Structures are given as C-alpha cells and as structure tokens.
Amino acid sequence: MRVTPTRTDEREKPVTSEPSGRERDGATEAFVAHRNLLFTVAYEMLGSAADAEDVLQETWLRWAGVDLPEVRDRRAYLVRITTRQALNRLRTLGRRKESYVGSWLPEPLLTTPDVAEDVELADSVSMAMMLVLETLTPTERAVFVLREVFDLGYDEIAEAVEKSPAAVRQIAHRARAHVAARRPRGVVSAAESRQALEAFRRAVETGDLQGLLDILSPDVVLLGDGGGVKQAVLRPVTGRDKVARLVLGGLLKHAASLSLGPAQVNGYPALVVHLDGALDTVVAVRLDEGRITGLYAVRNPEKLSHMRRETALRR
C-alpha cells in the first residue's frame, strides 16, 4: 500500500515490503532534521516532556514504514503523524490528571537561549500560556498550536486532526477567542521577568514581607505541583497576603540549606530552588503590568529531569 500526504482520509500504515537502505537513510535524515520541531509540537500539545518523547518514539515507528518516495512534504507529513499520536496521548493524559494529587502543572524545560530570542515561540511555551492551553479541548489545543504557533494552513491541519477545513476554521476561531480571554494581557519581555524575579528572590532571601507584597498582584494565585511525592499546596492559594506569608514561611524553614538561582525555563527567566545542593523546585511566574499574578512551583521530581540539560525547541 502506498501512503501519500494529500488525502484527508488516509492513515499512516506501514508498507508491506521492507524499505530499501536508501529509503531508510532518507527517513532517518528527515526525522532527525525535524526532531526538535516535532518535540515542540508534542510538548505544546501535552505539557509533558516525557509524554512528548514517547510520542516521538511512536512517530518514528510509523514514519519508518512510510513509502517515502510518495511523500511530497516530509515536514508536513511528520507533523501530522506527531499530531495524531499526541492527540491520542492527550486523551490518556486527561484521564491521568483526574487522579493526580493536587494541582497539575506543565513539565518545566531548561531551554536554549535561542528560544527566548523567538518571542512568539517563547510566549507559546511559557508556563502561563501552557496553563491556558490546558483549558482547551484536545482538538482545540491541536488546532490552536498548529495554526497560531506553527502557522500551518487549514488544509494541513484538517488532515492532522481528521476534520474538514471548514470545521478547523471554526475550531481555530473558537480556540483563539478562548485563549485571548485568558492569556496575559501583553507579551512580557525577558527584562521585565528578570526584574520581577530578582525582586521576588531578594524579598524571599531577606525575609522582607513588604518587599514581597510589593511585587505580588493583589489577586496573585500560587499553584504547587508535588505530584503526591513532595509537599506542595494541594489547591490554588489566592491573594497577596496569603501567598506572601505562605512563601516566606515555607522557604524560611529551610533557609540554612536553601539557595535560589536564575534559570531560563520555557523561554523565560525563572528561579530554581536547591535544597542541600539538590534541585528541589522550579518557580515560574506570570506577569501582568509589572506584578506577579501567577506563581507556579513545580516540585514533583518526575517533572524535573529536563532541568538537567538544555532542550532545543523549534518552529
């Protein structure tokens, strides 16, 4: 059976005969060339680097069996396979989140410097935006990511999500409106983020309650993700006074063995907390009008593995 990328009703199926050595080399070359892009697509859809890596494995298994000479646009075909596999995984992930202990936060990534230089990409993978994407349905999320982040055409997206182009346009319109109502009001520069985080860090390290109150928005929300393994707030904590006192109280208990340092996380400045020299927590923020409106503390050890090496993301 031959597989082509032009029909909306086709499926990725392995061919019945073994691909030639040249075709295997071509398949490997194309996959490697687009791997960072495919990982980015999967991660933005899933919010989990571990699941994104699994999706790439599944993508490769299907890609390795494709009749390569019949594929006109290898990048588009690979994105389509990845999207379908990520959609399948996203539905499974949704069921896992229902039994997750406490708040579920996206897996933080230690990103390469060039991610921050691509403002649109950095905005799309920021912790604040990833949490907004969590409020979309799986199909809405796929359509939004492929259209708004990767600028795919409606016909290409339709093939990836197995909908008609007209339906995809409607889904895209609905998803854009949903995201616009929930995303930060403006794109925050790296300099603004660094300034806010430095003020936050200085206040925490010195126990300066007023300094912490000054950088927090009155309606700030703190979310903690311990995954049932590490202690973290189980429900969102809202309000400047509550959040400030909780943060200072929690961190100052370990003041002698605790250190805070800067890191580039999901394309934006963030803080990493080390306890007795070991990575303990990643703290990302959402900013609106110069103040912190969201504090996201990821402590689940299973979500911190991608903080040990830089991850390259691509559009």
C-alpha atoms as a PDB file:
ATOM      1  CA  MET A   1       0.000   0.000   0.000  1.00  0.00           C
ATOM      2  CA  ARG A   2       1.304   3.435  -0.846  1.00  0.00           C
ATOM      3  CA  VAL A   3       0.871   6.302   1.554  1.00  0.00           C
ATOM      4  CA  THR A   4       0.608   9.894   0.334  1.00  0.00           C
ATOM      5  CA  PRO A   5       0.061  13.095   2.304  1.00  0.00           C
ATOM      6  CA  THR A   6      -2.675  14.541   0.134  1.00  0.00           C
ATOM      7  CA  ARG A   7      -5.862  12.747   1.169  1.00  0.00           C
ATOM      8  CA  THR A   8      -7.749  13.674   4.317  1.00  0.00           C
ATOM      9  CA  ASP A   9      -8.986  10.121   4.940  1.00  0.00           C
ATOM     10  CA  GLU A  10      -5.662   8.322   4.777  1.00  0.00           C
ATOM     11  CA  ARG A  11      -3.920   6.622   7.706  1.00  0.00           C
ATOM     12  CA  GLU A  12      -0.263   6.157   8.450  1.00  0.00           C
ATOM     13  CA  LYS A  13       0.297   2.459   7.791  1.00  0.00           C
ATOM     14  CA  PRO A  14       3.491   0.504   7.281  1.00  0.00           C
ATOM     15  CA  VAL A  15       4.214  -0.715   3.795  1.00  0.00           C
ATOM     16  CA  THR A  16       4.119  -4.438   3.148  1.00  0.00           C
ATOM     17  CA  SER A  17       7.683  -4.595   1.807  1.00  0.00           C
ATOM     18  CA  GLU A  18      10.931  -3.669   3.504  1.00  0.00           C
ATOM     19  CA  PRO A  19      12.175  -0.160   2.610  1.00  0.00           C
ATOM     20  CA  SER A  20      15.485  -0.008   0.797  1.00  0.00           C
ATOM     21  CA  GLY A  21      18.658   1.085   2.544  1.00  0.00           C
ATOM     22  CA  ARG A  22      18.487   4.440   0.766  1.00  0.00           C
ATOM     23  CA  GLU A  23      14.880   4.945   1.892  1.00  0.00           C
ATOM     24  CA  ARG A  24      15.800   4.070   5.488  1.00  0.00           C
ATOM     25  CA  ASP A  25      18.627   6.589   5.376  1.00  0.00           C
ATOM     26  CA  GLY A  26      16.278   9.207   3.921  1.00  0.00           C
ATOM     27  CA  ALA A  27      13.663   8.531   6.586  1.00  0.00           C
ATOM     28  CA  THR A  28      16.250   8.830   9.348  1.00  0.00           C
ATOM     29  CA  GLU A  29      17.691  12.035   7.887  1.00  0.00           C
ATOM     30  CA  ALA A  30      14.258  13.670   7.633  1.00  0.00           C
ATOM     31  CA  PHE A  31      13.255  12.623  11.149  1.00  0.00           C
ATOM     32  CA  VAL A  32      16.487  13.908  12.680  1.00  0.00           C
ATOM     33  CA  ALA A  33      16.215  17.187  10.740  1.00  0.00           C
ATOM     34  CA  HIS A  34      12.720  17.850  12.116  1.00  0.00           C
ATOM     35  CA  ARG A  35      13.038  16.220  15.530  1.00  0.00           C
ATOM     36  CA  ASN A  36      13.173  19.437  17.564  1.00  0.00           C
ATOM     37  CA  LEU A  37      10.128  20.762  15.708  1.00  0.00           C
ATOM     38  CA  LEU A  38       8.210  17.536  16.328  1.00  0.00           C
ATOM     39  CA  PHE A  39       9.139  17.568  20.006  1.00  0.00           C
ATOM     40  CA  THR A  40       7.915  21.158  20.277  1.00  0.00           C
ATOM     41  CA  VAL A  41       4.580  20.278  18.655  1.00  0.00           C
ATOM     42  CA  ALA A  42       4.092  17.333  21.012  1.00  0.00           C
ATOM     43  CA  TYR A  43       5.198  19.259  24.098  1.00  0.00           C
ATOM     44  CA  GLU A  44       2.908  22.212  23.390  1.00  0.00           C
ATOM     45  CA  MET A  45       0.004  19.820  22.980  1.00  0.00           C
ATOM     46  CA  LEU A  46       0.794  17.728  26.061  1.00  0.00           C
ATOM     47  CA  GLY A  47       2.644  19.932  28.536  1.00  0.00           C
ATOM     48  CA  SER A  48       4.769  16.911  29.372  1.00  0.00           C
ATOM     49  CA  ALA A  49       8.271  16.377  28.029  1.00  0.00           C
ATOM     50  CA  ALA A  50       8.209  12.704  28.987  1.00  0.00           C
ATOM     51  CA  ASP A  51       4.996  12.128  27.035  1.00  0.00           C
ATOM     52  CA  ALA A  52       6.334  14.200  24.140  1.00  0.00           C
ATOM     53  CA  GLU A  53       9.371  11.901  23.951  1.00  0.00           C
ATOM     54  CA  ASP A  54       7.051   8.876  23.886  1.00  0.00           C
ATOM     55  CA  VAL A  55       5.068  10.474  21.059  1.00  0.00           C
ATOM     56  CA  LEU A  56       8.278  10.944  19.073  1.00  0.00           C
ATOM     57  CA  GLN A  57       9.071   7.258  19.506  1.00  0.00           C
ATOM     58  CA  GLU A  58       5.630   6.357  18.170  1.00  0.00           C
ATOM     59  CA  THR A  59       6.043   8.854  15.329  1.00  0.00           C
ATOM     60  CA  TRP A  60       9.333   7.288  14.306  1.00  0.00           C
ATOM     61  CA  LEU A  61       7.855   3.773  14.261  1.00  0.00           C
ATOM     62  CA  ARG A  62       5.133   4.910  11.870  1.00  0.00           C
ATOM     63  CA  TRP A  63       7.435   7.116   9.813  1.00  0.00           C
ATOM     64  CA  ALA A  64       9.932   4.291   9.312  1.00  0.00           C
ATOM     65  CA  GLY A  65       7.242   2.278   7.493  1.00  0.00           C
ATOM     66  CA  VAL A  66       6.031   5.024   5.161  1.00  0.00           C
ATOM     67  CA  ASP A  67       6.510   4.740   1.390  1.00  0.00           C
ATOM     68  CA  LEU A  68       8.959   7.647   1.349  1.00  0.00           C
ATOM     69  CA  PRO A  69       9.101   8.369  -2.429  1.00  0.00           C
ATOM     70  CA  GLU A  70       5.375   9.124  -2.344  1.00  0.00           C
ATOM     71  CA  VAL A  71       5.692  11.776   0.401  1.00  0.00           C
ATOM     72  CA  ARG A  72       5.769  15.226  -1.169  1.00  0.00           C
ATOM     73  CA  ASP A  73       6.268  17.256   2.019  1.00  0.00           C
ATOM     74  CA  ARG A  74       8.158  15.319   4.673  1.00  0.00           C
ATOM     75  CA  ARG A  75       7.895  18.035   7.312  1.00  0.00           C
ATOM     76  CA  ALA A  76       4.101  18.271   6.979  1.00  0.00           C
ATOM     77  CA  TYR A  77       3.732  14.501   6.989  1.00  0.00           C
ATOM     78  CA  LEU A  78       5.841  14.127  10.139  1.00  0.00           C
ATOM     79  CA  VAL A  79       3.902  16.914  11.877  1.00  0.00           C
ATOM     80  CA  ARG A  80       0.676  15.142  11.003  1.00  0.00           C
ATOM     81  CA  ILE A  81       1.822  11.816  12.451  1.00  0.00           C
ATOM     82  CA  THR A  82       3.055  13.576  15.589  1.00  0.00           C
ATOM     83  CA  THR A  83      -0.205  15.482  15.986  1.00  0.00           C
ATOM     84  CA  ARG A  84      -2.311  12.341  15.748  1.00  0.00           C
ATOM     85  CA  GLN A  85      -0.160  10.490  18.227  1.00  0.00           C
ATOM     86  CA  ALA A  86      -0.172  13.490  20.588  1.00  0.00           C
ATOM     87  CA  LEU A  87      -3.974  13.688  20.395  1.00  0.00           C
ATOM     88  CA  ASN A  88      -4.203  10.038  21.394  1.00  0.00           C
ATOM     89  CA  ARG A  89      -1.784  10.625  24.263  1.00  0.00           C
ATOM     90  CA  LEU A  90      -3.566  13.835  25.313  1.00  0.00           C
ATOM     91  CA  ARG A  91      -6.804  11.966  25.908  1.00  0.00           C
ATOM     92  CA  THR A  92      -4.965   9.423  28.044  1.00  0.00           C
ATOM     93  CA  LEU A  93      -3.165  12.201  29.885  1.00  0.00           C
ATOM     94  CA  GLY A  94      -6.523  13.818  30.646  1.00  0.00           C
ATOM     95  CA  ARG A  95      -7.643  10.688  32.450  1.00  0.00           C
ATOM     96  CA  ARG A  96      -4.394  10.596  34.422  1.00  0.00           C
ATOM     97  CA  LYS A  97      -4.836  14.201  35.514  1.00  0.00           C
ATOM     98  CA  GLU A  98      -8.226  13.368  37.025  1.00  0.00           C
ATOM     99  CA  SER A  99      -6.493  11.222  39.651  1.00  0.00           C
ATOM    100  CA  TYR A 100      -3.431  13.464  40.051  1.00  0.00           C
ATOM    101  CA  VAL A 101      -2.674  14.559  43.610  1.00  0.00           C
ATOM    102  CA  GLY A 102      -3.015  18.351  43.863  1.00  0.00           C
ATOM    103  CA  SER A 103      -2.569  20.805  41.001  1.00  0.00           C
ATOM    104  CA  TRP A 104      -1.115  19.560  37.709  1.00  0.00           C
ATOM    105  CA  LEU A 105       1.473  21.902  36.196  1.00  0.00           C
ATOM    106  CA  PRO A 106       3.315  21.559  32.873  1.00  0.00           C
ATOM    107  CA  GLU A 107       6.749  19.964  32.983  1.00  0.00           C
ATOM    108  CA  PRO A 108       9.372  22.754  33.037  1.00  0.00           C
ATOM    109  CA  LEU A 109      12.117  22.757  30.418  1.00  0.00           C
ATOM    110  CA  LEU A 110      15.562  24.292  30.709  1.00  0.00           C
ATOM    111  CA  THR A 111      15.546  25.925  27.280  1.00  0.00           C
ATOM    112  CA  THR A 112      18.354  27.046  24.998  1.00  0.00           C
ATOM    113  CA  PRO A 113      18.998  30.819  24.632  1.00  0.00           C
ATOM    114  CA  ASP A 114      17.610  30.966  21.088  1.00  0.00           C
ATOM    115  CA  VAL A 115      14.116  30.065  22.368  1.00  0.00           C
ATOM    116  CA  ALA A 116      13.955  33.373  24.243  1.00  0.00           C
ATOM    117  CA  GLU A 117      15.041  35.203  21.089  1.00  0.00           C
ATOM    118  CA  ASP A 118      11.966  33.897  19.247  1.00  0.00           C
ATOM    119  CA  VAL A 119       9.409  35.962  21.160  1.00  0.00           C
ATOM    120  CA  GLU A 120       6.368  34.190  19.722  1.00  0.00           C
ATOM    121  CA  LEU A 121       7.778  30.744  20.448  1.00  0.00           C
ATOM    122  CA  ALA A 122       8.793  31.728  23.978  1.00  0.00           C
ATOM    123  CA  ASP A 123       5.320  33.130  24.630  1.00  0.00           C
ATOM    124  CA  SER A 124       3.677  29.948  23.350  1.00  0.00           C
ATOM    125  CA  VAL A 125       5.687  27.653  25.658  1.00  0.00           C
ATOM    126  CA  SER A 126       5.691  29.933  28.705  1.00  0.00           C
ATOM    127  CA  MET A 127       4.237  28.333  31.817  1.00  0.00           C
ATOM    128  CA  ALA A 128       1.402  30.871  31.820  1.00  0.00           C
ATOM    129  CA  MET A 129       0.424  30.074  28.218  1.00  0.00           C
ATOM    130  CA  MET A 130       0.782  26.330  28.720  1.00  0.00           C
ATOM    131  CA  LEU A 131      -1.723  26.577  31.563  1.00  0.00           C
ATOM    132  CA  VAL A 132      -4.118  28.480  29.311  1.00  0.00           C
ATOM    133  CA  LEU A 133      -3.779  25.731  26.693  1.00  0.00           C
ATOM    134  CA  GLU A 134      -4.795  23.246  29.377  1.00  0.00           C
ATOM    135  CA  THR A 135      -8.283  24.787  29.342  1.00  0.00           C
ATOM    136  CA  LEU A 136      -8.860  23.849  25.674  1.00  0.00           C
ATOM    137  CA  THR A 137     -10.273  20.550  24.438  1.00  0.00           C
ATOM    138  CA  PRO A 138      -7.703  18.213  22.847  1.00  0.00           C
ATOM    139  CA  THR A 139      -8.776  19.089  19.297  1.00  0.00           C
ATOM    140  CA  GLU A 140      -8.945  22.826  20.066  1.00  0.00           C
ATOM    141  CA  ARG A 141      -5.460  22.664  21.518  1.00  0.00           C
ATOM    142  CA  ALA A 142      -4.068  20.858  18.486  1.00  0.00           C
ATOM    143  CA  VAL A 143      -5.686  23.308  16.066  1.00  0.00           C
ATOM    144  CA  PHE A 144      -4.568  26.353  18.048  1.00  0.00           C
ATOM    145  CA  VAL A 145      -0.970  25.152  18.352  1.00  0.00           C
ATOM    146  CA  LEU A 146      -0.643  24.171  14.692  1.00  0.00           C
ATOM    147  CA  ARG A 147      -2.250  27.368  13.418  1.00  0.00           C
ATOM    148  CA  GLU A 148      -1.103  30.077  15.837  1.00  0.00           C
ATOM    149  CA  VAL A 149       2.343  28.765  16.724  1.00  0.00           C
ATOM    150  CA  PHE A 150       3.441  26.843  13.628  1.00  0.00           C
ATOM    151  CA  ASP A 151       1.357  28.722  11.050  1.00  0.00           C
ATOM    152  CA  LEU A 152       0.112  25.623   9.269  1.00  0.00           C
ATOM    153  CA  GLY A 153      -2.605  26.021   6.655  1.00  0.00           C
ATOM    154  CA  TYR A 154      -6.150  24.953   7.425  1.00  0.00           C
ATOM    155  CA  ASP A 155      -5.957  22.124   4.889  1.00  0.00           C
ATOM    156  CA  GLU A 156      -2.828  20.706   6.546  1.00  0.00           C
ATOM    157  CA  ILE A 157      -4.382  20.976  10.000  1.00  0.00           C
ATOM    158  CA  ALA A 158      -7.565  19.332   8.759  1.00  0.00           C
ATOM    159  CA  GLU A 159      -5.558  16.285   7.685  1.00  0.00           C
ATOM    160  CA  ALA A 160      -3.740  16.179  11.024  1.00  0.00           C
ATOM    161  CA  VAL A 161      -6.878  16.313  13.200  1.00  0.00           C
ATOM    162  CA  GLU A 162      -9.140  14.473  10.738  1.00  0.00           C
ATOM    163  CA  LYS A 163     -11.675  17.274  10.374  1.00  0.00           C
ATOM    164  CA  SER A 164     -12.850  19.246   7.358  1.00  0.00           C
ATOM    165  CA  PRO A 165     -11.080  22.562   6.617  1.00  0.00           C
ATOM    166  CA  ALA A 166     -14.347  24.396   7.362  1.00  0.00           C
ATOM    167  CA  ALA A 167     -14.607  22.711  10.757  1.00  0.00           C
ATOM    168  CA  VAL A 168     -10.974  23.525  11.501  1.00  0.00           C
ATOM    169  CA  ARG A 169     -11.595  27.212  10.776  1.00  0.00           C
ATOM    170  CA  GLN A 170     -14.462  27.240  13.268  1.00  0.00           C
ATOM    171  CA  ILE A 171     -12.395  25.409  15.878  1.00  0.00           C
ATOM    172  CA  ALA A 172      -9.493  27.829  15.361  1.00  0.00           C
ATOM    173  CA  HIS A 173     -11.789  30.840  15.794  1.00  0.00           C
ATOM    174  CA  ARG A 174     -13.263  29.386  18.987  1.00  0.00           C
ATOM    175  CA  ALA A 175      -9.852  28.461  20.398  1.00  0.00           C
ATOM    176  CA  ARG A 176      -8.382  31.920  19.647  1.00  0.00           C
ATOM    177  CA  ALA A 177     -11.241  33.631  21.477  1.00  0.00           C
ATOM    178  CA  HIS A 178     -10.887  31.263  24.427  1.00  0.00           C
ATOM    179  CA  VAL A 179      -7.137  31.837  24.709  1.00  0.00           C
ATOM    180  CA  ALA A 180      -7.395  35.604  24.217  1.00  0.00           C
ATOM    181  CA  ALA A 181      -9.763  35.854  27.188  1.00  0.00           C
ATOM    182  CA  ARG A 182      -7.354  34.003  29.481  1.00  0.00           C
ATOM    183  CA  ARG A 183      -3.808  34.791  28.400  1.00  0.00           C
ATOM    184  CA  PRO A 184      -1.678  37.571  29.940  1.00  0.00           C
ATOM    185  CA  ARG A 185      -2.724  40.953  28.597  1.00  0.00           C
ATOM    186  CA  GLY A 186       0.547  41.653  26.827  1.00  0.00           C
ATOM    187  CA  VAL A 187       3.775  39.945  25.874  1.00  0.00           C
ATOM    188  CA  VAL A 188       6.172  40.282  28.793  1.00  0.00           C
ATOM    189  CA  SER A 189       9.810  40.987  27.986  1.00  0.00           C
ATOM    190  CA  ALA A 190      12.622  38.930  29.442  1.00  0.00           C
ATOM    191  CA  ALA A 191      13.914  42.077  31.168  1.00  0.00           C
ATOM    192  CA  GLU A 192      10.585  42.584  32.958  1.00  0.00           C
ATOM    193  CA  SER A 193      10.546  38.957  34.045  1.00  0.00           C
ATOM    194  CA  ARG A 194      14.118  39.154  35.350  1.00  0.00           C
ATOM    195  CA  GLN A 195      13.359  42.344  37.273  1.00  0.00           C
ATOM    196  CA  ALA A 196      10.269  40.853  38.913  1.00  0.00           C
ATOM    197  CA  LEU A 197      12.025  37.604  39.776  1.00  0.00           C
ATOM    198  CA  GLU A 198      15.014  39.441  41.220  1.00  0.00           C
ATOM    199  CA  ALA A 199      12.673  41.456  43.461  1.00  0.00           C
ATOM    200  CA  PHE A 200      10.923  38.236  44.470  1.00  0.00           C
ATOM    201  CA  ARG A 201      14.219  36.482  45.161  1.00  0.00           C
ATOM    202  CA  ARG A 202      15.617  39.389  47.163  1.00  0.00           C
ATOM    203  CA  ALA A 203      12.484  39.569  49.307  1.00  0.00           C
ATOM    204  CA  VAL A 204      12.497  35.836  49.983  1.00  0.00           C
ATOM    205  CA  GLU A 205      16.205  35.646  50.808  1.00  0.00           C
ATOM    206  CA  THR A 206      15.981  38.585  53.233  1.00  0.00           C
ATOM    207  CA  GLY A 207      12.584  37.700  54.680  1.00  0.00           C
ATOM    208  CA  ASP A 208      11.260  41.066  53.520  1.00  0.00           C
ATOM    209  CA  LEU A 209       7.475  40.652  53.722  1.00  0.00           C
ATOM    210  CA  GLN A 210       6.732  44.162  52.460  1.00  0.00           C
ATOM    211  CA  GLY A 211       9.097  43.747  49.535  1.00  0.00           C
ATOM    212  CA  LEU A 212       7.305  40.539  48.592  1.00  0.00           C
ATOM    213  CA  LEU A 213       3.899  42.182  48.905  1.00  0.00           C
ATOM    214  CA  ASP A 214       5.052  44.992  46.635  1.00  0.00           C
ATOM    215  CA  ILE A 215       5.909  42.647  43.730  1.00  0.00           C
ATOM    216  CA  LEU A 216       2.785  40.487  44.050  1.00  0.00           C
ATOM    217  CA  SER A 217      -0.527  41.451  42.480  1.00  0.00           C
ATOM    218  CA  PRO A 218      -3.460  41.714  44.943  1.00  0.00           C
ATOM    219  CA  ASP A 219      -5.140  38.734  43.255  1.00  0.00           C
ATOM    220  CA  VAL A 220      -1.992  36.632  42.753  1.00  0.00           C
ATOM    221  CA  VAL A 221      -2.511  32.858  42.546  1.00  0.00           C
ATOM    222  CA  LEU A 222       0.005  30.281  43.772  1.00  0.00           C
ATOM    223  CA  LEU A 223      -0.093  26.785  42.279  1.00  0.00           C
ATOM    224  CA  GLY A 224       2.133  24.000  43.560  1.00  0.00           C
ATOM    225  CA  ASP A 225       2.810  20.633  41.944  1.00  0.00           C
ATOM    226  CA  GLY A 226       4.288  17.965  44.186  1.00  0.00           C
ATOM    227  CA  GLY A 227       2.561  15.074  42.451  1.00  0.00           C
ATOM    228  CA  GLY A 228       1.874  13.449  45.808  1.00  0.00           C
ATOM    229  CA  VAL A 229       5.620  12.877  46.192  1.00  0.00           C
ATOM    230  CA  LYS A 230       6.779  16.234  47.553  1.00  0.00           C
ATOM    231  CA  GLN A 231       4.858  18.550  49.854  1.00  0.00           C
ATOM    232  CA  ALA A 232       3.021  21.285  47.948  1.00  0.00           C
ATOM    233  CA  VAL A 233      -0.211  23.219  48.244  1.00  0.00           C
ATOM    234  CA  LEU A 234      -2.994  20.911  47.077  1.00  0.00           C
ATOM    235  CA  ARG A 235      -5.286  23.706  45.934  1.00  0.00           C
ATOM    236  CA  PRO A 236      -4.643  27.169  44.481  1.00  0.00           C
ATOM    237  CA  VAL A 237      -3.827  29.820  47.057  1.00  0.00           C
ATOM    238  CA  THR A 238      -5.214  33.234  46.127  1.00  0.00           C
ATOM    239  CA  GLY A 239      -4.450  36.687  47.483  1.00  0.00           C
ATOM    240  CA  ARG A 240      -1.286  38.670  48.099  1.00  0.00           C
ATOM    241  CA  ASP A 241      -1.205  38.337  51.911  1.00  0.00           C
ATOM    242  CA  LYS A 242      -1.850  34.578  51.932  1.00  0.00           C
ATOM    243  CA  VAL A 243       0.664  33.853  49.197  1.00  0.00           C
ATOM    244  CA  ALA A 244       3.398  36.065  50.667  1.00  0.00           C
ATOM    245  CA  ARG A 245       3.134  34.582  54.140  1.00  0.00           C
ATOM    246  CA  LEU A 246       2.974  31.030  52.795  1.00  0.00           C
ATOM    247  CA  VAL A 247       6.038  31.536  50.596  1.00  0.00           C
ATOM    248  CA  LEU A 248       8.115  33.141  53.324  1.00  0.00           C
ATOM    249  CA  GLY A 249       7.006  30.650  55.949  1.00  0.00           C
ATOM    250  CA  GLY A 250       7.764  27.661  53.750  1.00  0.00           C
ATOM    251  CA  LEU A 251      11.126  28.810  52.461  1.00  0.00           C
ATOM    252  CA  LEU A 252      12.483  30.333  55.634  1.00  0.00           C
ATOM    253  CA  LYS A 253      12.080  26.987  57.428  1.00  0.00           C
ATOM    254  CA  HIS A 254      14.900  25.736  55.223  1.00  0.00           C
ATOM    255  CA  ALA A 255      16.843  28.999  54.994  1.00  0.00           C
ATOM    256  CA  ALA A 256      20.162  27.477  56.092  1.00  0.00           C
ATOM    257  CA  SER A 257      20.192  24.801  53.372  1.00  0.00           C
ATOM    258  CA  LEU A 258      18.272  26.604  50.634  1.00  0.00           C
ATOM    259  CA  SER A 259      19.504  28.594  47.645  1.00  0.00           C
ATOM    260  CA  LEU A 260      17.687  30.348  44.800  1.00  0.00           C
ATOM    261  CA  GLY A 261      19.212  30.918  41.393  1.00  0.00           C
ATOM    262  CA  PRO A 262      18.149  32.127  37.947  1.00  0.00           C
ATOM    263  CA  ALA A 263      17.415  29.824  35.005  1.00  0.00           C
ATOM    264  CA  GLN A 264      15.894  30.052  31.551  1.00  0.00           C
ATOM    265  CA  VAL A 265      12.717  27.962  31.762  1.00  0.00           C
ATOM    266  CA  ASN A 266      10.289  27.555  28.870  1.00  0.00           C
ATOM    267  CA  GLY A 267      11.820  30.546  27.141  1.00  0.00           C
ATOM    268  CA  TYR A 268      11.522  32.921  30.103  1.00  0.00           C
ATOM    269  CA  PRO A 269      13.507  33.747  33.231  1.00  0.00           C
ATOM    270  CA  ALA A 270      12.581  31.631  36.239  1.00  0.00           C
ATOM    271  CA  LEU A 271      14.051  30.593  39.583  1.00  0.00           C
ATOM    272  CA  VAL A 272      15.414  27.221  40.605  1.00  0.00           C
ATOM    273  CA  VAL A 273      15.462  26.277  44.260  1.00  0.00           C
ATOM    274  CA  HIS A 274      18.169  23.961  45.559  1.00  0.00           C
ATOM    275  CA  LEU A 275      17.863  22.273  48.934  1.00  0.00           C
ATOM    276  CA  ASP A 276      21.085  20.861  50.376  1.00  0.00           C
ATOM    277  CA  GLY A 277      22.598  21.285  46.915  1.00  0.00           C
ATOM    278  CA  ALA A 278      19.937  19.217  45.125  1.00  0.00           C
ATOM    279  CA  LEU A 279      17.366  20.616  42.701  1.00  0.00           C
ATOM    280  CA  ASP A 280      14.108  20.868  44.636  1.00  0.00           C
ATOM    281  CA  THR A 281      11.730  23.304  42.933  1.00  0.00           C
ATOM    282  CA  VAL A 282      11.306  25.303  39.745  1.00  0.00           C
ATOM    283  CA  VAL A 283       9.429  28.579  40.185  1.00  0.00           C
ATOM    284  CA  ALA A 284       7.923  30.245  37.109  1.00  0.00           C
ATOM    285  CA  VAL A 285       5.763  33.351  37.123  1.00  0.00           C
ATOM    286  CA  ARG A 286       3.022  35.072  35.194  1.00  0.00           C
ATOM    287  CA  LEU A 287       3.303  38.852  34.991  1.00  0.00           C
ATOM    288  CA  ASP A 288       0.673  41.467  34.265  1.00  0.00           C
ATOM    289  CA  GLU A 289       1.540  45.170  34.336  1.00  0.00           C
ATOM    290  CA  GLY A 290       4.820  44.565  36.151  1.00  0.00           C
ATOM    291  CA  ARG A 291       3.453  42.491  39.024  1.00  0.00           C
ATOM    292  CA  ILE A 292       3.353  38.764  39.601  1.00  0.00           C
ATOM    293  CA  THR A 293      -0.175  37.458  39.082  1.00  0.00           C
ATOM    294  CA  GLY A 294       0.762  33.769  38.977  1.00  0.00           C
ATOM    295  CA  LEU A 295       3.367  31.757  40.873  1.00  0.00           C
ATOM    296  CA  TYR A 296       3.938  28.209  39.642  1.00  0.00           C
ATOM    297  CA  ALA A 297       6.083  25.949  41.816  1.00  0.00           C
ATOM    298  CA  VAL A 298       6.920  22.546  40.338  1.00  0.00           C
ATOM    299  CA  ARG A 299       8.350  20.115  42.931  1.00  0.00           C
ATOM    300  CA  ASN A 300       7.361  16.734  41.530  1.00  0.00           C
ATOM    301  CA  PRO A 301      10.763  15.031  40.963  1.00  0.00           C
ATOM    302  CA  GLU A 302       9.417  13.193  37.906  1.00  0.00           C
ATOM    303  CA  LYS A 303       8.898  16.556  36.218  1.00  0.00           C
ATOM    304  CA  LEU A 304      12.373  17.967  36.874  1.00  0.00           C
ATOM    305  CA  SER A 305      14.514  15.687  34.705  1.00  0.00           C
ATOM    306  CA  HIS A 306      14.541  18.154  31.777  1.00  0.00           C
ATOM    307  CA  MET A 307      16.045  20.795  34.075  1.00  0.00           C
ATOM    308  CA  ARG A 308      19.380  18.979  33.998  1.00  0.00           C
ATOM    309  CA  ARG A 309      20.110  19.673  30.331  1.00  0.00           C
ATOM    310  CA  GLU A 310      19.004  22.275  27.829  1.00  0.00           C
ATOM    311  CA  THR A 311      16.150  21.438  25.479  1.00  0.00           C
ATOM    312  CA  ALA A 312      16.111  22.874  21.962  1.00  0.00           C
ATOM    313  CA  LEU A 313      12.664  23.915  20.708  1.00  0.00           C
ATOM    314  CA  ARG A 314      11.882  24.865  17.106  1.00  0.00           C
ATOM    315  CA  ARG A 315       9.047  26.206  14.970  1.00  0.00           C
END
